[in-house]
C-alpha atoms as a PDB file:
ATOM      1  CA  MET A   1     -78.975  46.118  89.070  1.00  0.00           C
ATOM      2  CA  LYS A   2     -76.591  43.265  88.320  1.00  0.00           C
ATOM      3  CA  ILE A   3     -74.307  43.205  85.302  1.00  0.00           C
ATOM      4  CA  LYS A   4     -74.598  40.297  83.107  1.00  0.00           C
ATOM      5  CA  ASN A   5     -71.716  38.007  82.413  1.00  0.00           C
ATOM      6  CA  LYS A   6     -71.481  39.161  78.916  1.00  0.00           C
ATOM      7  CA  GLN A   7     -71.215  42.827  79.979  1.00  0.00           C
ATOM      8  CA  ARG A   8     -68.566  41.951  82.592  1.00  0.00           C
ATOM      9  CA  ILE A   9     -66.430  40.244  79.972  1.00  0.00           C
ATOM     10  CA  LEU A  10     -66.900  43.039  77.546  1.00  0.00           C
ATOM     11  CA  ILE A  11     -65.606  45.610  80.246  1.00  0.00           C
ATOM     12  CA  VAL A  12     -62.834  43.329  81.052  1.00  0.00           C
ATOM     13  CA  ILE A  13     -61.872  43.183  77.670  1.00  0.00           C
ATOM     14  CA  ILE A  14     -62.110  46.850  77.029  1.00  0.00           C
ATOM     15  CA  ILE A  15     -59.946  47.579  80.067  1.00  0.00           C
ATOM     16  CA  ILE A  16     -57.172  45.030  78.694  1.00  0.00           C
ATOM     17  CA  GLU A  17     -57.152  46.676  75.320  1.00  0.00           C
ATOM     18  CA  LEU A  18     -56.795  50.229  77.045  1.00  0.00           C
ATOM     19  CA  ILE A  19     -53.941  48.741  79.145  1.00  0.00           C
ATOM     20  CA  ALA A  20     -52.301  47.302  76.076  1.00  0.00           C
ATOM     21  CA  LEU A  21     -52.527  50.596  74.240  1.00  0.00           C
ATOM     22  CA  ILE A  22     -51.345  52.413  77.135  1.00  0.00           C
ATOM     23  CA  CYS A  23     -48.145  50.008  77.236  1.00  0.00           C
ATOM     24  CA  LEU A  24     -47.625  50.340  73.531  1.00  0.00           C
ATOM     25  CA  GLY A  25     -47.819  54.056  73.552  1.00  0.00           C
ATOM     26  CA  ALA A  26     -45.088  53.929  76.317  1.00  0.00           C
ATOM     27  CA  LEU A  27     -42.930  51.839  74.503  1.00  0.00           C
ATOM     28  CA  TYR A  28     -43.233  53.765  71.229  1.00  0.00           C
ATOM     29  CA  VAL A  29     -42.340  56.976  73.284  1.00  0.00           C
ATOM     30  CA  SER A  30     -39.188  55.179  75.064  1.00  0.00           C
ATOM     31  CA  THR A  31     -37.834  53.981  71.812  1.00  0.00           C
ATOM     32  CA  HIS A  32     -38.504  56.774  69.228  1.00  0.00           C
ATOM     33  CA  ASP A  33     -37.290  59.759  71.224  1.00  0.00           C
ATOM     34  CA  VAL A  34     -40.545  61.507  71.068  1.00  0.00           C
ATOM     35  CA  PHE A  35     -39.390  64.311  73.511  1.00  0.00           C
ATOM     36  CA  ILE A  36     -36.126  66.150  73.805  1.00  0.00           C
ATOM     37  CA  PRO A  37     -34.067  64.629  76.371  1.00  0.00           C
ATOM     38  CA  SER A  38     -34.388  65.833  79.884  1.00  0.00           C
ATOM     39  CA  PHE A  39     -30.796  67.056  80.243  1.00  0.00           C
ATOM     40  CA  ALA A  40     -31.442  69.831  77.651  1.00  0.00           C
ATOM     41  CA  GLN A  41     -30.993  73.295  79.296  1.00  0.00           C
ATOM     42  CA  TRP A  42     -33.176  76.130  78.151  1.00  0.00           C
ATOM     43  CA  ASN A  43     -31.406  79.415  78.700  1.00  0.00           C
ATOM     44  CA  LYS A  44     -33.367  82.549  78.348  1.00  0.00           C
ATOM     45  CA  SER A  45     -31.449  85.690  77.294  1.00  0.00           C
ATOM     46  CA  ASP A  46     -31.857  89.266  75.987  1.00  0.00           C
ATOM     47  CA  ASN A  47     -28.765  90.636  74.513  1.00  0.00           C
ATOM     48  CA  ASP A  48     -27.882  93.684  72.526  1.00  0.00           C
ATOM     49  CA  TYR A  49     -25.059  93.314  69.689  1.00  0.00           C
ATOM     50  CA  VAL A  50     -23.633  95.543  67.196  1.00  0.00           C
ATOM     51  CA  LEU A  51     -23.064  93.384  64.006  1.00  0.00           C
ATOM     52  CA  ASN A  52     -21.518  95.045  60.988  1.00  0.00           C
ATOM     53  CA  GLY A  53     -22.423  98.477  62.219  1.00  0.00           C
ATOM     54  CA  GLU A  54     -25.942  97.276  62.663  1.00  0.00           C
ATOM     55  CA  ALA A  55     -27.702  97.444  66.405  1.00  0.00           C
ATOM     56  CA  VAL A  56     -29.641  94.411  67.194  1.00  0.00           C
ATOM     57  CA  ASN A  57     -31.255  92.515  70.051  1.00  0.00           C
ATOM     58  CA  PHE A  58     -31.226  88.764  70.311  1.00  0.00           C
ATOM     59  CA  LYS A  59     -33.731  87.357  72.480  1.00  0.00           C
ATOM     60  CA  VAL A  60     -33.970  83.598  73.309  1.00  0.00           C
ATOM     61  CA  LYS A  61     -37.386  82.747  74.930  1.00  0.00           C
ATOM     62  CA  SER A  62     -39.635  79.762  74.825  1.00  0.00           C
ATOM     63  CA  ARG A  63     -36.993  77.754  73.171  1.00  0.00           C
ATOM     64  CA  LYS A  64     -36.916  80.249  70.189  1.00  0.00           C
ATOM     65  CA  LEU A  65     -34.485  83.028  69.126  1.00  0.00           C
ATOM     66  CA  THR A  66     -35.831  86.218  67.837  1.00  0.00           C
ATOM     67  CA  ILE A  67     -33.535  88.943  66.376  1.00  0.00           C
ATOM     68  CA  ARG A  68     -34.756  92.626  66.190  1.00  0.00           C
ATOM     69  CA  ASP A  69     -33.353  95.714  64.742  1.00  0.00           C
ATOM     70  CA  ASP A  70     -33.263  99.000  66.903  1.00  0.00           C
ATOM     71  CA  GLU A  71     -36.834  99.968  65.538  1.00  0.00           C
ATOM     72  CA  GLU A  72     -38.058  96.332  66.842  1.00  0.00           C
ATOM     73  CA  ASN A  73     -38.351  94.964  63.332  1.00  0.00           C
ATOM     74  CA  VAL A  74     -38.156  91.163  63.588  1.00  0.00           C
ATOM     75  CA  LEU A  75     -35.209  90.393  61.479  1.00  0.00           C
ATOM     76  CA  TYR A  76     -34.951  86.591  62.232  1.00  0.00           C
ATOM     77  CA  ARG A  77     -37.053  84.088  64.166  1.00  0.00           C
ATOM     78  CA  THR A  78     -35.954  80.451  64.578  1.00  0.00           C
ATOM     79  CA  GLU A  79     -37.566  78.167  61.860  1.00  0.00           C
ATOM     80  CA  LYS A  80     -40.116  75.569  62.833  1.00  0.00           C
ATOM     81  CA  GLY A  81     -38.750  72.460  64.306  1.00  0.00           C
ATOM     82  CA  VAL A  82     -35.526  73.930  65.577  1.00  0.00           C
ATOM     83  CA  TYR A  83     -35.164  74.635  69.366  1.00  0.00           C
ATOM     84  CA  VAL A  84     -32.582  77.090  70.588  1.00  0.00           C
ATOM     85  CA  SER A  85     -31.003  76.214  74.032  1.00  0.00           C
ATOM     86  CA  ASP A  86     -28.478  79.137  73.700  1.00  0.00           C
ATOM     87  CA  ALA A  87     -27.453  82.010  71.484  1.00  0.00           C
ATOM     88  CA  PHE A  88     -24.454  84.364  71.554  1.00  0.00           C
ATOM     89  CA  CYS A  89     -21.903  85.990  69.274  1.00  0.00           C
ATOM     90  CA  ILE A  90     -18.463  85.285  68.919  1.00  0.00           C
ATOM     91  CA  ASP A  91     -15.555  85.694  66.357  1.00  0.00           C
ATOM     92  CA  ILE A  92     -15.188  82.171  65.971  1.00  0.00           C
ATOM     93  CA  ASP A  93     -13.032  82.533  62.737  1.00  0.00           C
ATOM     94  CA  ARG A  94     -11.105  85.342  64.173  1.00  0.00           C
ATOM     95  CA  ASP A  95     -11.741  87.740  61.249  1.00  0.00           C
ATOM     96  CA  SER A  96     -12.678  90.531  63.412  1.00  0.00           C
ATOM     97  CA  GLU A  97     -16.445  90.052  62.466  1.00  0.00           C
ATOM     98  CA  GLN A  98     -18.745  88.484  65.000  1.00  0.00           C
ATOM     99  CA  GLU A  99     -20.504  85.360  64.159  1.00  0.00           C
ATOM    100  CA  ILE A 100     -23.710  83.900  65.678  1.00  0.00           C
ATOM    101  CA  CYS A 101     -23.521  80.865  67.579  1.00  0.00           C
ATOM    102  CA  LEU A 102     -26.609  78.566  68.373  1.00  0.00           C
ATOM    103  CA  LEU A 103     -26.905  75.604  70.406  1.00  0.00           C
ATOM    104  CA  THR A 104     -29.984  73.819  69.066  1.00  0.00           C
ATOM    105  CA  TRP A 105     -32.145  70.866  69.074  1.00  0.00           C
ATOM    106  CA  LYS A 106     -33.900  69.222  65.778  1.00  0.00           C
ATOM    107  CA  ARG A 107     -34.837  66.093  64.702  1.00  0.00           C
ATOM    108  CA  GLY A 108     -32.256  64.169  62.694  1.00  0.00           C
ATOM    109  CA  SER A 109     -28.580  64.306  62.584  1.00  0.00           C
ATOM    110  CA  TYR A 110     -28.429  66.099  59.330  1.00  0.00           C
ATOM    111  CA  GLY A 111     -30.243  68.770  57.406  1.00  0.00           C
ATOM    112  CA  GLU A 112     -31.421  68.479  53.885  1.00  0.00           C
ATOM    113  CA  HIS A 113     -28.113  67.191  52.701  1.00  0.00           C
ATOM    114  CA  LYS A 114     -26.338  64.192  54.475  1.00  0.00           C
ATOM    115  CA  PRO A 115     -23.045  62.195  53.801  1.00  0.00           C
ATOM    116  CA  PHE A 116     -23.224  59.962  50.732  1.00  0.00           C
ATOM    117  CA  TRP A 117     -22.662  56.984  53.246  1.00  0.00           C
ATOM    118  CA  VAL A 118     -25.734  57.731  55.156  1.00  0.00           C
ATOM    119  CA  SER A 119     -28.988  56.189  53.432  1.00  0.00           C
ATOM    120  CA  GLU A 120     -31.596  57.520  55.922  1.00  0.00           C
ATOM    121  CA  ASP A 121     -31.183  60.115  58.613  1.00  0.00           C
ATOM    122  CA  THR A 122     -32.728  59.496  62.186  1.00  0.00           C
ATOM    123  CA  ASP A 123     -35.905  60.932  63.487  1.00  0.00           C
ATOM    124  CA  ARG A 124     -34.342  61.300  67.037  1.00  0.00           C
ATOM    125  CA  TRP A 125     -34.084  64.660  68.733  1.00  0.00           C
ATOM    126  CA  THR A 126     -30.327  65.657  68.408  1.00  0.00           C
ATOM    127  CA  GLN A 127     -28.287  68.493  69.406  1.00  0.00           C
ATOM    128  CA  HIS A 128     -26.324  70.680  66.963  1.00  0.00           C
ATOM    129  CA  ILE A 129     -24.055  73.838  66.915  1.00  0.00           C
ATOM    130  CA  PHE A 130     -25.251  76.325  64.157  1.00  0.00           C
ATOM    131  CA  LEU A 131     -22.788  79.195  63.001  1.00  0.00           C
ATOM    132  CA  TYR A 132     -24.054  81.987  60.970  1.00  0.00           C
ATOM    133  CA  GLU A 133     -22.348  85.193  59.575  1.00  0.00           C
ATOM    134  CA  TRP A 134     -24.120  88.415  59.743  1.00  0.00           C
ATOM    135  CA  ASP A 135     -25.255  89.791  56.230  1.00  0.00           C
ATOM    136  CA  SER A 136     -26.844  92.885  56.367  1.00  0.00           C
ATOM    137  CA  ALA A 137     -27.936  92.556  52.468  1.00  0.00           C
ATOM    138  CA  ARG A 138     -30.137  89.514  53.461  1.00  0.00           C
ATOM    139  CA  ASN A 139     -33.663  90.159  54.842  1.00  0.00           C
ATOM    140  CA  ASP A 140     -33.177  87.623  57.690  1.00  0.00           C
ATOM    141  CA  ARG A 141     -29.547  88.777  58.006  1.00  0.00           C
ATOM    142  CA  LEU A 142     -28.202  85.361  58.916  1.00  0.00           C
ATOM    143  CA  ASP A 143     -25.913  83.505  56.288  1.00  0.00           C
ATOM    144  CA  PRO A 144     -25.265  79.967  57.368  1.00  0.00           C
ATOM    145  CA  LYS A 145     -21.534  79.303  57.858  1.00  0.00           C
ATOM    146  CA  TRP A 146     -21.589  75.950  59.380  1.00  0.00           C
ATOM    147  CA  MET A 147     -24.285  73.833  60.495  1.00  0.00           C
ATOM    148  CA  SER A 148     -23.177  70.780  62.392  1.00  0.00           C
ATOM    149  CA  SER A 149     -24.546  67.351  62.378  1.00  0.00           C
ATOM    150  CA  GLU A 150     -25.349  65.788  65.781  1.00  0.00           C
ATOM    151  CA  ILE A 151     -22.542  66.731  68.115  1.00  0.00           C
ATOM    152  CA  GLY A 152     -22.575  63.679  69.955  1.00  0.00           C
ATOM    153  CA  ILE A 153     -22.041  65.319  73.436  1.00  0.00           C
ATOM    154  CA  LYS A 154     -24.671  65.761  76.001  1.00  0.00           C
ATOM    155  CA  VAL A 155     -24.079  69.692  76.197  1.00  0.00           C
ATOM    156  CA  VAL A 156     -25.765  71.473  79.117  1.00  0.00           C
ATOM    157  CA  LYS A 157     -23.713  74.749  78.637  1.00  0.00           C
ATOM    158  CA  ILE A 158     -21.810  76.450  75.724  1.00  0.00           C
ATOM    159  CA  PHE A 159     -19.899  79.651  75.809  1.00  0.00           C
ATOM    160  CA  GLY A 160     -17.201  81.619  73.990  1.00  0.00           C
ATOM    161  CA  ASP A 161     -13.796  82.664  75.551  1.00  0.00           C
ATOM    162  CA  GLU A 162     -11.584  85.697  74.653  1.00  0.00           C
ATOM    163  CA  GLU A 163      -9.325  83.430  72.374  1.00  0.00           C
ATOM    164  CA  CYS A 164     -12.318  82.920  69.918  1.00  0.00           C
ATOM    165  CA  LYS A 165     -13.011  79.344  71.067  1.00  0.00           C
ATOM    166  CA  LEU A 166     -16.266  77.393  72.091  1.00  0.00           C
ATOM    167  CA  HIS A 167     -16.432  75.683  75.562  1.00  0.00           C
ATOM    168  CA  LEU A 168     -19.007  72.920  75.598  1.00  0.00           C
ATOM    169  CA  ILE A 169     -19.900  71.408  79.163  1.00  0.00           C
ATOM    170  CA  ASP A 170     -21.642  68.095  79.340  1.00  0.00           C
ATOM    171  CA  THR A 171     -23.923  66.531  81.866  1.00  0.00           C
ATOM    172  CA  GLU A 172     -21.017  65.278  83.911  1.00  0.00           C
ATOM    173  CA  GLY A 173     -19.495  68.661  84.008  1.00  0.00           C
ATOM    174  CA  ASN A 174     -16.653  67.727  81.447  1.00  0.00           C
ATOM    175  CA  GLU A 175     -15.491  70.523  79.260  1.00  0.00           C
ATOM    176  CA  THR A 176     -14.756  70.259  75.614  1.00  0.00           C
ATOM    177  CA  ILE A 177     -12.869  73.138  73.755  1.00  0.00           C
ATOM    178  CA  CYS A 178     -13.462  73.643  70.075  1.00  0.00           C
ATOM    179  CA  SER A 179     -11.872  76.069  67.757  1.00  0.00           C
ATOM    180  CA  TRP A 180     -12.589  77.070  64.083  1.00  0.00           C
ATOM    181  CA  GLU A 181     -10.073  75.451  61.742  1.00  0.00           C
ATOM    182  CA  GLY A 182     -10.755  76.564  58.181  1.00  0.00           C
ATOM    183  CA  TRP A 183     -14.219  75.084  57.694  1.00  0.00           C
ATOM    184  CA  GLY A 184     -15.632  73.737  60.958  1.00  0.00           C
ATOM    185  CA  LEU A 185     -14.950  73.173  64.497  1.00  0.00           C
ATOM    186  CA  THR A 186     -12.135  70.944  65.807  1.00  0.00           C
ATOM    187  CA  ILE A 187     -11.930  69.701  69.251  1.00  0.00           C
ATOM    188  CA  GLU A 188      -8.637  70.739  70.985  1.00  0.00           C
END
């Protein structure tokens, strides 16, 4: 059976429209950071800590952090929209109490509050360092100490040292060392 000219034209138009939609979708994806950048590293870990006398387990799996007590009760689970690359404890402020350090990804450079000079936050995926103090009086135990805006370094690895400093390794292998200075991290 022969396809009539009108049907052929209709099929060509439909194909052209589909190609146009695919191209527009690809353009949108490439300009709106729909996906977390490919350099992001997703560490899996399962570590036990004692924080303020409380035995807990930190498990990073499937881009989420879950903290459980020694009876397996969930104390904390990463909130929706925040993805954890790594998590560990460090006495970042050198007060003899361990803080929780998370290397995270989330949409936007800021959280609920942003600097007065910023009128609108971005909707891109950005990398952040979140620091928490352990507070046994809180149900979730984590008391936000410092939540960075976008860190601006393409970090693939983070770790703490014996001097209570953070080491950030970027995609090129460069190392940035940060220390706690009163309220916030300072690059050394």
